[in-house]
């Protein structure tokens, strides 16, 4: 038996000003280009990834593995056609050699030039070269968006049940369990899918709390008790301006139990639609959020700038929140990492211990939202220079080797500021501890994230204050010039109705 495995992940914010080229992809989440064959396999072994679960299953089955590619990029703008074709061609080339199954670790919200559903296009190309009946197994991020093309060309689909995403390996294992049953001819999988006309806010999506919690809990229970083979609820990625954005439910059912699966699909979708207002996040003005944090006595207090998060396509160089923290006089703060390769170069040249006056951040405009970059001018002391490399020890992407590139730590009026060459969402405290800074000992920790920070920073937080800084990841959808969404869609259109989505049942 032979299986083809591939890991291809990118979450595309179509409003992001950051281009996504082939060099943006890598074995981790920092650019340097994809890796292939044995290098790809080694990058995934013993990690919290669906691909690692596939490798373990292949070993159990005694199957030969052709690991086509690992290509993982920080969320950013639309992927170039050249980059997408290069990645897709690698997977297609492996499949053309012949295999008994294809096992894909994908994101589900990649948009490439000419392909609003890049994953759907990838599966279409694979189906064109596969013999009839060869299964395609797909593990997807919780924020996947779905076209009919993606559903119709997959055999088995599973999605993360957590946000922050700490069950990525388990998602691959769930898909693999169904694949085993298929290969033994114990089941005949059929996919049921419905996309609702709901553009939810990411700060209201997490299955760790309502309104999503018991919707996901019901899906998990249905899979556990065997009513369906796999049940996944996807919050969707709302910052992709494509016709396929929105909340989806995907069920894999044995053909004999299709009616039972349809009943569960209706139940989950109706519950989500009834709660559509609860999926909207109320925005508090930036100044009020910082003032409220200043009144809190005990730290660490995690200040979460969710408007400029590279985990959803932001450049992480908007300095508005840090500027307000400094204006209101907060002390004992660690902040960052802020993306500014030019500033890092200046600070390295100055050296540890030097006193430097320079601009940090604010070098990226966001034309789609009419945001102009505003650098923050500081007089700082250089505290430390690092290579930015660390191994994730927290529950999300555990074991992955990551890097934020060369990194400078500077001190300004009691605030430690991390400035880096490569953006990285702070879902692991290694971003700070690799430089000898323990965020648990700071009163305030200012980071740019939405939910993923909870994986590594949630356990140490005494308080969490969500701060609506400006940026391409804003929850204020009125700022975004949407042109390609399927309309009507809630909350942009109050007259949206549940039956105006799309489905395959």
Protein backbone atom coordinates (compact mmCIF):
# COMPACT_ATOMS: atom_id res chain seq x y z
CA UNK A 1 0.00 0.00 0.00
CA UNK A 2 1.19 3.52 -0.80
CA UNK A 3 -0.11 6.87 0.41
CA UNK A 4 0.69 10.42 -0.66
CA UNK A 5 0.86 12.96 2.18
CA UNK A 6 1.07 16.75 1.84
CA UNK A 7 0.83 19.72 4.21
CA UNK A 8 -0.25 23.00 2.58
CA UNK A 9 -1.54 25.76 4.82
CA UNK A 10 -2.35 29.40 4.21
CA UNK A 11 -5.16 31.58 5.55
CA UNK A 12 -5.67 34.37 3.04
CA UNK A 13 -6.83 37.79 4.15
CA UNK A 14 -7.75 39.32 0.80
CA UNK A 15 -7.51 42.82 2.33
CA UNK A 16 -3.95 42.30 3.56
CA UNK A 17 -1.27 44.39 1.83
CA UNK A 18 1.33 41.62 2.31
CA UNK A 19 2.01 39.55 -0.82
CA UNK A 20 2.22 35.76 -0.52
CA UNK A 21 4.90 34.28 -2.78
CA UNK A 22 6.51 30.85 -2.85
CA UNK A 23 9.22 32.02 -0.46
CA UNK A 24 6.52 32.89 2.09
CA UNK A 25 5.95 29.16 2.61
CA UNK A 26 8.17 26.94 4.70
CA UNK A 27 8.33 23.94 7.01
CA UNK A 28 7.16 26.08 9.95
CA UNK A 29 5.39 29.40 9.69
CA UNK A 30 8.37 31.56 8.70
CA UNK A 31 9.29 31.99 5.09
CA UNK A 32 12.21 30.34 3.32
CA UNK A 33 10.36 28.13 0.86
CA UNK A 34 8.63 24.75 1.04
CA UNK A 35 10.42 21.50 1.81
CA UNK A 36 9.90 18.20 0.02
CA UNK A 37 10.17 14.43 0.35
CA UNK A 38 12.16 13.25 3.38
CA UNK A 39 12.77 16.82 4.60
CA UNK A 40 9.00 17.33 4.62
CA UNK A 41 8.48 14.10 6.52
CA UNK A 42 11.09 15.00 9.12
CA UNK A 43 9.49 18.44 9.60
CA UNK A 44 6.21 16.81 10.66
CA UNK A 45 7.25 13.76 12.67
CA UNK A 46 6.21 13.94 16.35
CA UNK A 47 4.46 17.30 15.95
CA UNK A 48 0.92 18.41 16.69
CA UNK A 49 -0.12 18.27 13.05
CA UNK A 50 -2.59 16.24 11.03
CA UNK A 51 0.32 15.17 8.84
CA UNK A 52 1.99 13.56 11.87
CA UNK A 53 -1.19 11.56 12.48
CA UNK A 54 -1.13 10.44 8.84
CA UNK A 55 2.46 9.27 9.21
CA UNK A 56 1.60 7.29 12.32
CA UNK A 57 -1.34 5.69 10.51
CA UNK A 58 0.84 4.80 7.52
CA UNK A 59 3.32 3.10 9.83
CA UNK A 60 0.49 1.15 11.46
CA UNK A 61 -0.78 0.04 8.05
CA UNK A 62 2.70 -0.79 6.79
CA UNK A 63 2.18 1.68 3.95
CA UNK A 64 4.86 3.36 1.88
CA UNK A 65 4.73 7.16 2.21
CA UNK A 66 5.44 9.67 -0.52
CA UNK A 67 5.53 12.97 1.40
CA UNK A 68 5.07 15.50 -1.38
CA UNK A 69 5.55 18.86 0.34
CA UNK A 70 5.35 20.92 3.51
CA UNK A 71 4.32 24.48 2.65
CA UNK A 72 3.08 26.59 5.55
CA UNK A 73 2.85 30.38 5.52
CA UNK A 74 1.83 33.07 7.98
CA UNK A 75 -1.61 34.46 6.99
CA UNK A 76 -1.23 37.29 4.50
CA UNK A 77 -2.56 38.50 1.17
CA UNK A 78 -3.61 36.59 -1.94
CA UNK A 79 -1.22 33.80 -2.97
CA UNK A 80 0.44 34.39 -6.33
CA UNK A 81 -0.55 32.09 -9.18
CA UNK A 82 3.10 31.07 -9.55
CA UNK A 83 3.35 30.01 -5.89
CA UNK A 84 0.08 28.09 -5.94
CA UNK A 85 0.90 26.28 -9.18
CA UNK A 86 4.33 25.30 -7.86
CA UNK A 87 2.84 23.86 -4.66
CA UNK A 88 -0.03 22.12 -6.44
CA UNK A 89 2.29 20.69 -9.08
CA UNK A 90 4.38 19.04 -6.36
CA UNK A 91 1.36 17.21 -4.94
CA UNK A 92 0.04 16.26 -8.38
CA UNK A 93 3.45 14.90 -9.38
CA UNK A 94 3.50 12.58 -6.36
CA UNK A 95 -0.05 11.41 -7.03
CA UNK A 96 0.76 10.67 -10.68
CA UNK A 97 3.30 8.08 -9.54
CA UNK A 98 0.41 6.03 -8.19
CA UNK A 99 -1.07 5.61 -4.72
CA UNK A 100 -3.87 3.98 -2.77
CA UNK A 101 -4.89 7.11 -0.83
CA UNK A 102 -4.10 10.83 -0.66
CA UNK A 103 -3.92 12.38 2.82
CA UNK A 104 -3.90 16.18 2.93
CA UNK A 105 -3.21 18.52 5.86
CA UNK A 106 -4.70 21.77 4.52
CA UNK A 107 -6.01 25.05 5.89
CA UNK A 108 -9.16 25.60 3.86
CA UNK A 109 -9.06 29.40 3.50
CA UNK A 110 -6.37 29.82 0.86
CA UNK A 111 -7.14 32.25 -1.96
CA UNK A 112 -4.82 32.28 -4.97
CA UNK A 113 -4.84 34.50 -8.02
CA UNK A 114 -7.64 33.15 -10.20
CA UNK A 115 -8.74 30.61 -7.57
CA UNK A 116 -10.99 31.93 -4.77
CA UNK A 117 -11.02 28.40 -3.31
CA UNK A 118 -7.44 27.27 -3.81
CA UNK A 119 -7.93 24.03 -1.87
CA UNK A 120 -10.90 23.18 -4.07
CA UNK A 121 -8.74 23.76 -7.15
CA UNK A 122 -6.01 21.54 -5.69
CA UNK A 123 -8.46 18.69 -5.12
CA UNK A 124 -9.89 19.16 -8.61
CA UNK A 125 -6.39 18.74 -10.09
CA UNK A 126 -5.77 15.65 -7.99
CA UNK A 127 -9.06 14.05 -9.02
CA UNK A 128 -8.12 14.61 -12.66
CA UNK A 129 -5.07 12.33 -12.33
CA UNK A 130 -6.32 9.80 -9.76
CA UNK A 131 -7.94 6.50 -10.71
CA UNK A 132 -11.64 6.30 -9.82
CA UNK A 133 -12.18 5.26 -6.23
CA UNK A 134 -8.88 6.40 -4.73
CA UNK A 135 -9.83 8.31 -1.55
CA UNK A 136 -8.76 11.87 -0.79
CA UNK A 137 -8.67 12.53 2.95
CA UNK A 138 -8.58 16.15 4.11
CA UNK A 139 -7.96 17.65 7.55
CA UNK A 140 -8.88 21.32 7.69
CA UNK A 141 -8.50 24.32 9.96
CA UNK A 142 -11.54 25.48 11.96
CA UNK A 143 -11.51 28.63 9.79
CA UNK A 144 -11.95 26.87 6.47
CA UNK A 145 -14.32 28.28 3.82
CA UNK A 146 -16.06 25.85 1.46
CA UNK A 147 -16.99 25.72 -2.20
CA UNK A 148 -18.90 22.86 -3.81
CA UNK A 149 -15.69 21.93 -5.62
CA UNK A 150 -13.88 21.17 -2.37
CA UNK A 151 -16.73 19.06 -1.01
CA UNK A 152 -17.35 17.13 -4.23
CA UNK A 153 -13.71 16.14 -4.73
CA UNK A 154 -13.01 15.00 -1.16
CA UNK A 155 -13.80 11.57 0.27
CA UNK A 156 -13.37 12.35 3.96
CA UNK A 157 -13.18 15.77 5.66
CA UNK A 158 -12.46 16.56 9.30
CA UNK A 159 -11.89 19.92 10.97
CA UNK A 160 -10.31 21.18 14.17
CA UNK A 161 -12.75 21.22 17.10
CA UNK A 162 -10.75 23.82 19.04
CA UNK A 163 -9.76 27.47 18.74
CA UNK A 164 -6.93 27.96 19.77
CA UNK A 165 -6.15 24.92 17.65
CA UNK A 166 -4.74 22.31 20.00
CA UNK A 167 -6.35 19.20 18.44
CA UNK A 168 -4.62 19.25 15.06
CA UNK A 169 -3.07 15.79 15.41
CA UNK A 170 -6.42 14.43 16.62
CA UNK A 171 -8.12 15.92 13.56
CA UNK A 172 -5.83 13.90 11.30
CA UNK A 173 -6.38 10.81 13.44
CA UNK A 174 -10.17 11.18 13.14
CA UNK A 175 -9.87 11.32 9.36
CA UNK A 176 -7.52 8.35 9.41
CA UNK A 177 -9.94 6.26 11.46
CA UNK A 178 -12.63 6.73 8.81
CA UNK A 179 -10.13 5.97 6.06
CA UNK A 180 -9.27 2.67 7.75
CA UNK A 181 -12.96 1.72 7.87
CA UNK A 182 -13.28 2.62 4.19
CA UNK A 183 -10.24 0.57 3.19
CA UNK A 184 -11.71 -2.42 5.08
CA UNK A 185 -14.98 -1.82 3.20
CA UNK A 186 -16.82 -1.44 6.49
CA UNK A 187 -18.35 1.91 5.47
CA UNK A 188 -19.19 3.89 2.35
CA UNK A 189 -18.53 7.54 3.28
CA UNK A 190 -20.81 10.31 1.99
CA UNK A 191 -20.26 14.01 2.73
CA UNK A 192 -23.13 16.29 3.81
CA UNK A 193 -22.45 20.02 3.88
CA UNK A 194 -24.24 23.29 4.44
CA UNK A 195 -22.81 26.82 4.45
CA UNK A 196 -24.91 29.39 6.28
CA UNK A 197 -25.16 33.05 5.19
CA UNK A 198 -23.33 34.13 8.36
CA UNK A 199 -20.11 36.13 8.50
CA UNK A 200 -19.22 35.52 12.14
CA UNK A 201 -16.69 37.47 14.20
CA UNK A 202 -13.59 35.46 15.02
CA UNK A 203 -13.65 36.70 18.61
CA UNK A 204 -17.01 34.98 19.01
CA UNK A 205 -16.20 31.72 17.23
CA UNK A 206 -14.24 29.71 19.76
CA UNK A 207 -15.79 26.37 20.77
CA UNK A 208 -14.41 26.94 24.27
CA UNK A 209 -17.38 29.20 25.05
CA UNK A 210 -20.85 30.06 23.84
CA UNK A 211 -22.38 30.59 21.34
CA UNK A 212 -20.26 27.92 19.61
CA UNK A 213 -19.56 25.63 22.56
CA UNK A 214 -22.60 23.37 22.65
CA UNK A 215 -22.92 23.40 18.86
CA UNK A 216 -19.45 21.87 18.66
CA UNK A 217 -20.14 19.67 21.67
CA UNK A 218 -23.15 18.14 19.88
CA UNK A 219 -21.04 17.50 16.79
CA UNK A 220 -18.30 15.84 18.85
CA UNK A 221 -20.88 13.69 20.67
CA UNK A 222 -22.49 12.56 17.41
CA UNK A 223 -19.12 11.42 16.08
CA UNK A 224 -18.22 9.72 19.37
CA UNK A 225 -21.46 7.71 19.58
CA UNK A 226 -21.34 6.61 15.94
CA UNK A 227 -24.32 8.51 14.57
CA UNK A 228 -21.92 9.88 11.97
CA UNK A 229 -18.39 8.97 10.94
CA UNK A 230 -17.10 12.53 11.32
CA UNK A 231 -18.76 15.78 12.36
CA UNK A 232 -17.11 19.18 11.97
CA UNK A 233 -18.32 22.73 12.51
CA UNK A 234 -16.28 25.45 10.80
CA UNK A 235 -16.42 29.06 11.96
CA UNK A 236 -15.11 30.14 8.57
CA UNK A 237 -12.60 32.87 7.78
CA UNK A 238 -14.54 36.13 7.39
CA UNK A 239 -11.68 38.24 5.98
CA UNK A 240 -11.53 36.39 2.67
CA UNK A 241 -13.68 38.39 0.28
CA UNK A 242 -14.89 35.38 -1.73
CA UNK A 243 -18.30 33.83 -2.42
CA UNK A 244 -17.50 30.91 -0.11
CA UNK A 245 -16.92 32.72 3.21
CA UNK A 246 -19.20 31.78 6.08
CA UNK A 247 -19.97 29.29 8.82
CA UNK A 248 -20.23 25.69 7.58
CA UNK A 249 -21.14 22.28 8.95
CA UNK A 250 -19.58 19.21 7.30
CA UNK A 251 -20.61 15.66 8.16
CA UNK A 252 -19.12 12.41 6.87
CA UNK A 253 -21.73 9.67 7.16
CA UNK A 254 -22.03 6.06 6.15
CA UNK A 255 -24.31 5.96 3.11
CA UNK A 256 -26.73 3.73 5.03
CA UNK A 257 -27.12 6.46 7.68
CA UNK A 258 -27.55 9.45 5.36
CA UNK A 259 -31.04 10.32 6.69
CA UNK A 260 -29.72 10.32 10.25
CA UNK A 261 -26.86 12.57 9.16
CA UNK A 262 -29.26 15.00 7.47
CA UNK A 263 -31.16 15.29 10.76
CA UNK A 264 -27.96 16.22 12.62
CA UNK A 265 -27.00 18.70 9.88
CA UNK A 266 -30.35 20.46 10.32
CA UNK A 267 -29.99 20.49 14.09
CA UNK A 268 -26.52 22.04 14.12
CA UNK A 269 -27.26 24.59 11.40
CA UNK A 270 -30.55 25.70 12.94
CA UNK A 271 -28.90 26.20 16.32
CA UNK A 272 -26.10 28.29 14.80
CA UNK A 273 -28.56 30.42 12.83
CA UNK A 274 -30.75 31.05 15.89
CA UNK A 275 -27.65 32.43 17.65
CA UNK A 276 -26.37 34.57 14.79
CA UNK A 277 -26.54 37.78 16.84
CA UNK A 278 -24.36 36.16 19.52
CA UNK A 279 -21.59 35.63 16.97
CA UNK A 280 -21.07 39.41 16.72
CA UNK A 281 -18.35 40.98 18.90
CA UNK A 282 -19.11 44.40 20.47
CA UNK A 283 -16.20 46.79 19.95
CA UNK A 284 -14.83 48.94 22.80
CA UNK A 285 -12.80 52.07 21.92
CA UNK A 286 -9.05 51.53 22.24
CA UNK A 287 -8.54 54.27 24.84
CA UNK A 288 -11.24 52.82 27.12
CA UNK A 289 -9.73 49.34 26.96
CA UNK A 290 -6.29 50.57 28.07
CA UNK A 291 -7.80 52.76 30.80
CA UNK A 292 -9.75 49.75 32.08
CA UNK A 293 -6.59 47.63 32.11
CA UNK A 294 -4.76 50.34 34.06
CA UNK A 295 -7.27 49.99 36.90
CA UNK A 296 -6.66 46.26 37.31
CA UNK A 297 -4.45 45.44 40.29
CA UNK A 298 -2.99 42.01 39.64
CA UNK A 299 -0.92 40.84 36.71
CA UNK A 300 -0.10 39.40 34.33
CA UNK A 301 -2.73 41.33 32.40
CA UNK A 302 -2.76 40.22 28.78
CA UNK A 303 -3.51 43.12 26.43
CA UNK A 304 -4.63 41.58 23.14
CA UNK A 305 -4.48 43.84 20.08
CA UNK A 306 -6.82 41.93 17.77
CA UNK A 307 -6.90 44.44 14.91
CA UNK A 308 -3.36 43.85 13.64
CA UNK A 309 -2.79 40.12 14.06
CA UNK A 310 -0.49 38.30 11.65
CA UNK A 311 -2.50 35.15 12.45
CA UNK A 312 -5.26 36.66 10.32
CA UNK A 313 -3.19 38.60 7.78
CA UNK A 314 -2.05 41.71 9.64
CA UNK A 315 1.52 43.01 9.26
CA UNK A 316 1.94 43.40 13.07
CA UNK A 317 3.62 46.76 12.71
CA UNK A 318 0.72 49.04 13.67
CA UNK A 319 1.89 50.88 16.79
CA UNK A 320 -1.40 52.48 17.90
CA UNK A 321 -1.98 50.25 20.93
CA UNK A 322 1.60 50.49 22.20
CA UNK A 323 1.47 54.24 21.67
CA UNK A 324 -1.67 54.42 23.85
CA UNK A 325 -0.10 52.17 26.51
CA UNK A 326 2.82 54.60 26.71
CA UNK A 327 0.53 57.65 26.71
CA UNK A 328 -1.45 56.30 29.67
CA UNK A 329 1.75 55.48 31.56
CA UNK A 330 1.52 51.70 32.00
CA UNK A 331 4.73 50.21 33.45
CA UNK A 332 6.31 46.77 33.82
CA UNK A 333 5.21 45.85 30.29
CA UNK A 334 6.52 43.44 27.69
CA UNK A 335 5.20 44.12 24.19
CA UNK A 336 5.49 42.54 20.76
CA UNK A 337 6.83 41.07 18.70
CA UNK A 338 6.51 43.94 16.23
CA UNK A 339 7.58 43.27 12.64
CA UNK A 340 10.26 45.70 11.45
CA UNK A 341 13.33 44.16 9.76
CA UNK A 342 14.86 47.59 9.09
CA UNK A 343 14.72 48.56 12.79
CA UNK A 344 16.19 45.19 13.76
CA UNK A 345 19.12 45.89 11.47
CA UNK A 346 19.71 49.29 13.09
CA UNK A 347 19.56 47.80 16.57
CA UNK A 348 21.96 44.97 15.74
CA UNK A 349 24.40 47.50 14.33
CA UNK A 350 24.12 49.60 17.50
CA UNK A 351 24.72 46.56 19.73
CA UNK A 352 23.60 45.45 23.17
CA UNK A 353 23.76 48.26 25.74
CA UNK A 354 23.57 51.07 23.18
CA UNK A 355 21.20 54.00 23.55
CA UNK A 356 19.39 54.53 20.25
CA UNK A 357 16.76 56.89 18.89
CA UNK A 358 14.79 55.33 16.06
CA UNK A 359 11.40 54.71 14.48
CA UNK A 360 9.85 51.29 15.01
CA UNK A 361 6.89 49.85 13.13
CA UNK A 362 4.38 51.82 11.14
CA UNK A 363 6.04 51.06 7.82
CA UNK A 364 3.06 49.29 6.20
CA UNK A 365 0.03 51.00 4.71
CA UNK A 366 -3.28 49.15 4.38
CA UNK A 367 -4.84 50.73 1.29
CA UNK A 368 -7.97 48.57 1.42
CA UNK A 369 -8.92 50.16 4.76
CA UNK A 370 -7.26 53.52 4.04
CA UNK A 371 -4.83 53.06 6.96
CA UNK A 372 -1.47 54.86 6.75
CA UNK A 373 1.51 53.51 8.62
CA UNK A 374 2.62 55.67 11.58
CA UNK A 375 6.03 54.75 13.04
CA UNK A 376 6.64 55.13 16.77
CA UNK A 377 9.73 57.20 17.53
CA UNK A 378 11.51 56.04 20.69
CA UNK A 379 14.67 56.61 22.67
CA UNK A 380 15.61 53.08 23.68
CA UNK A 381 18.33 50.94 25.23
CA UNK A 382 19.20 47.72 23.41
CA UNK A 383 18.79 44.90 25.94
CA UNK A 384 19.32 41.76 23.86
CA UNK A 385 19.77 40.43 20.33
CA UNK A 386 18.64 36.89 19.46
CA UNK A 387 18.31 34.64 16.42
CA UNK A 388 14.56 34.34 17.11
CA UNK A 389 14.56 30.52 17.03
CA UNK A 390 12.49 28.47 19.45
CA UNK A 391 10.65 25.16 19.79
CA UNK A 392 6.95 25.29 20.67
CA UNK A 393 6.35 23.76 24.09
CA UNK A 394 2.72 24.82 24.50
CA UNK A 395 -0.35 22.90 23.33
CA UNK A 396 -0.63 24.44 19.85
CA UNK A 397 1.75 23.09 17.16
CA UNK A 398 3.71 21.37 19.93
CA UNK A 399 7.23 20.42 18.88
CA UNK A 400 7.36 22.70 15.84
CA UNK A 401 10.64 24.55 15.31
CA UNK A 402 9.78 28.19 14.62
CA UNK A 403 11.61 31.44 14.13
CA UNK A 404 10.77 35.12 14.13
CA UNK A 405 14.14 35.87 12.56
CA UNK A 406 16.72 38.08 14.14
CA UNK A 407 15.10 39.84 17.07
CA UNK A 408 16.00 42.87 19.14
CA UNK A 409 14.73 43.49 22.66
CA UNK A 410 14.72 47.15 23.65
CA UNK A 411 13.69 48.98 26.83
CA UNK A 412 11.73 52.24 26.74
CA UNK A 413 10.51 53.79 30.02
CA UNK A 414 9.91 50.47 31.78
CA UNK A 415 8.54 48.73 28.68
CA UNK A 416 10.38 45.85 27.01
CA UNK A 417 9.66 45.86 23.29
CA UNK A 418 10.42 42.93 20.96
CA UNK A 419 11.16 43.86 17.34
CA UNK A 420 11.55 41.01 14.84
CA UNK A 421 12.38 40.22 11.22
CA UNK A 422 9.51 37.76 10.67
CA UNK A 423 5.92 38.05 11.95
CA UNK A 424 4.54 35.36 14.23
CA UNK A 425 1.29 35.16 16.18
CA UNK A 426 2.03 34.70 19.90
CA UNK A 427 0.46 31.33 20.68
CA UNK A 428 3.53 30.18 22.59
CA UNK A 429 5.50 31.96 25.32
CA UNK A 430 8.70 30.89 23.56
CA UNK A 431 8.45 34.15 21.63
CA UNK A 432 9.55 35.90 24.84
CA UNK A 433 11.30 33.21 26.88
CA UNK A 434 13.81 32.42 24.13
CA UNK A 435 15.23 35.90 24.90
CA UNK A 436 15.24 35.33 28.64
CA UNK A 437 12.07 37.33 29.32
CA UNK A 438 9.41 35.61 31.46
CA UNK A 439 6.00 37.12 30.64
CA UNK A 440 4.59 35.64 33.88
CA UNK A 441 6.68 38.18 35.80
CA UNK A 442 5.32 41.19 33.94
CA UNK A 443 2.22 43.13 34.96
CA UNK A 444 1.22 43.74 31.35
CA UNK A 445 1.85 41.60 28.28
CA UNK A 446 0.89 43.36 25.04
CA UNK A 447 0.53 40.96 22.11
CA UNK A 448 -1.19 40.89 18.72
CA UNK A 449 -3.65 38.00 18.47
CA UNK A 450 -7.32 36.99 18.56
CA UNK A 451 -7.77 33.60 20.24
CA UNK A 452 -4.57 31.64 19.68
CA UNK A 453 -2.77 33.50 22.47
CA UNK A 454 -4.97 31.57 24.92
CA UNK A 455 -3.00 28.39 24.17
CA UNK A 456 0.26 29.64 25.65
CA UNK A 457 -0.67 32.81 27.54
CA UNK A 458 -4.12 31.94 28.87
CA UNK A 459 -2.79 29.80 31.75
CA UNK A 460 -0.64 32.62 33.13
CA UNK A 461 -3.18 35.45 32.72
CA UNK A 462 -4.86 37.02 35.74
CA UNK A 463 -6.88 39.23 33.39
CA UNK A 464 -7.38 39.41 29.62
CA UNK A 465 -8.30 42.71 27.97
CA UNK A 466 -9.24 42.59 24.29
CA UNK A 467 -8.08 45.80 22.58
CA UNK A 468 -9.56 46.90 19.25
CA UNK A 469 -6.49 48.39 17.65
CA UNK A 470 -6.73 49.53 14.02
CA UNK A 471 -5.78 47.09 11.28
CA UNK A 472 -6.71 44.66 8.58
CA UNK A 473 -8.05 42.16 11.15
CA UNK A 474 -10.64 44.49 12.65
CA UNK A 475 -13.98 43.10 13.81
CA UNK A 476 -15.68 46.20 12.42
CA UNK A 477 -16.86 44.82 9.08
CA UNK A 478 -18.19 48.23 8.06
CA UNK A 479 -14.55 49.20 7.35
CA UNK A 480 -14.08 46.50 4.71
CA UNK A 481 -14.99 47.06 1.04
CA UNK A 482 -16.46 43.59 0.46
CA UNK A 483 -17.24 42.93 -3.20
CA UNK A 484 -17.37 39.16 -3.72
CA UNK A 485 -19.29 37.69 -0.78
CA UNK A 486 -22.46 35.72 -1.46
CA UNK A 487 -25.19 38.19 -0.54
CA UNK A 488 -27.29 38.58 1.46
CA UNK A 489 -25.15 37.58 4.43
CA UNK A 490 -25.57 38.38 8.13
CA UNK A 491 -24.64 40.79 9.75
CA UNK A 492 -23.98 42.88 6.62
CA UNK A 493 -27.55 42.20 5.51
CA UNK A 494 -30.22 42.01 8.20
CA UNK A 495 -32.63 40.36 5.73
CA UNK A 496 -30.43 37.28 5.25
CA UNK A 497 -32.31 33.98 5.65
CA UNK A 498 -30.96 30.55 6.58
CA UNK A 499 -32.04 29.01 3.28
CA UNK A 500 -29.92 31.46 1.28
CA UNK A 501 -26.71 29.54 1.95
CA UNK A 502 -25.46 26.56 -0.05
CA UNK A 503 -25.52 22.84 0.61
CA UNK A 504 -24.84 19.33 -0.61
CA UNK A 505 -27.01 16.71 1.10
